[in-house]
């Protein structure tokens, strides 16, 4: 019984002081940081590509509009010019 009592868990205060960086080896931690940076770069690249794709699609839609669509979108009142 005494052995069980002696192997108490470390206090919660000590657990709060430890961080992931403290528990991992420095090379593993650095590898994780590098991977995080790489993933962030990939994410920003992907977002930029999506935005460019949307701009290109909008440009193509605008380019392929018929005269009727362009006339309908015009803010001018064409009856004034008859």
Protein backbone atom coordinates (compact mmCIF):
# COMPACT_ATOMS: atom_id res chain seq x y z
CA UNK A 1 0.00 0.00 0.00
CA UNK A 2 2.76 2.43 0.79
CA UNK A 3 4.28 2.05 -2.67
CA UNK A 4 1.02 3.08 -4.29
CA UNK A 5 0.81 6.11 -2.07
CA UNK A 6 4.38 7.11 -2.85
CA UNK A 7 3.75 7.05 -6.63
CA UNK A 8 1.36 9.94 -6.62
CA UNK A 9 0.91 11.85 -9.81
CA UNK A 10 2.76 15.12 -10.12
CA UNK A 11 0.73 18.04 -8.97
CA UNK A 12 -1.40 19.94 -11.46
CA UNK A 13 0.86 22.94 -11.02
CA UNK A 14 3.83 21.06 -12.50
CA UNK A 15 1.72 19.85 -15.44
CA UNK A 16 0.67 23.39 -16.27
CA UNK A 17 4.27 24.55 -16.39
CA UNK A 18 5.28 21.90 -18.94
CA UNK A 19 4.66 22.72 -22.56
CA UNK A 20 4.77 20.67 -25.71
CA UNK A 21 8.15 22.15 -26.51
CA UNK A 22 9.50 20.95 -23.16
CA UNK A 23 8.28 17.39 -23.61
CA UNK A 24 9.42 16.90 -27.23
CA UNK A 25 12.96 16.68 -28.41
CA UNK A 26 14.19 19.83 -30.11
CA UNK A 27 14.59 18.21 -33.54
CA UNK A 28 11.04 16.83 -33.47
CA UNK A 29 9.70 20.21 -32.39
CA UNK A 30 11.62 21.98 -35.16
CA UNK A 31 10.31 19.47 -37.72
CA UNK A 32 6.75 20.21 -36.58
CA UNK A 33 7.34 23.96 -36.87
CA UNK A 34 8.74 23.51 -40.39
CA UNK A 35 5.75 21.39 -41.40
CA UNK A 36 3.39 24.05 -40.03
CA UNK A 37 5.10 26.75 -42.10
CA UNK A 38 4.95 24.56 -45.19
CA UNK A 39 1.24 23.89 -44.71
CA UNK A 40 0.54 27.60 -44.21
CA UNK A 41 2.38 28.40 -47.47
CA UNK A 42 0.38 25.74 -49.31
CA UNK A 43 -2.86 27.13 -47.90
CA UNK A 44 -2.11 30.68 -48.99
CA UNK A 45 -1.07 29.46 -52.44
CA UNK A 46 -4.27 27.46 -52.76
CA UNK A 47 -6.38 30.47 -51.74
CA UNK A 48 -4.60 32.71 -54.23
CA UNK A 49 -5.15 30.17 -57.01
CA UNK A 50 -8.85 29.90 -56.15
CA UNK A 51 -9.23 33.69 -56.17
CA UNK A 52 -7.48 33.92 -59.54
CA UNK A 53 -9.70 31.16 -60.92
CA UNK A 54 -12.83 33.00 -59.75
CA UNK A 55 -11.62 36.26 -61.31
CA UNK A 56 -10.94 34.49 -64.60
CA UNK A 57 -14.37 32.83 -64.58
CA UNK A 58 -16.05 36.19 -63.90
CA UNK A 59 -14.06 37.77 -66.73
CA UNK A 60 -15.11 34.98 -69.11
CA UNK A 61 -18.78 35.33 -68.09
CA UNK A 62 -18.59 39.08 -68.67
CA UNK A 63 -16.91 38.54 -72.03
CA UNK A 64 -19.57 36.07 -73.19
CA UNK A 65 -22.64 38.13 -72.27
CA UNK A 66 -25.16 38.79 -74.97
CA UNK A 67 -26.25 42.26 -76.02
CA UNK A 68 -29.57 41.73 -74.24
CA UNK A 69 -27.83 40.96 -70.95
CA UNK A 70 -25.55 43.98 -71.28
CA UNK A 71 -28.50 46.22 -72.12
CA UNK A 72 -30.46 44.85 -69.14
CA UNK A 73 -27.60 45.55 -66.75
CA UNK A 74 -27.13 49.09 -67.99
CA UNK A 75 -28.30 51.73 -65.55
CA UNK A 76 -29.28 54.14 -68.27
CA UNK A 77 -32.91 54.71 -69.19
CA UNK A 78 -32.88 54.02 -72.93
CA UNK A 79 -36.42 55.34 -73.40
CA UNK A 80 -35.08 58.87 -72.92
CA UNK A 81 -32.99 58.54 -76.08
CA UNK A 82 -35.79 57.45 -78.45
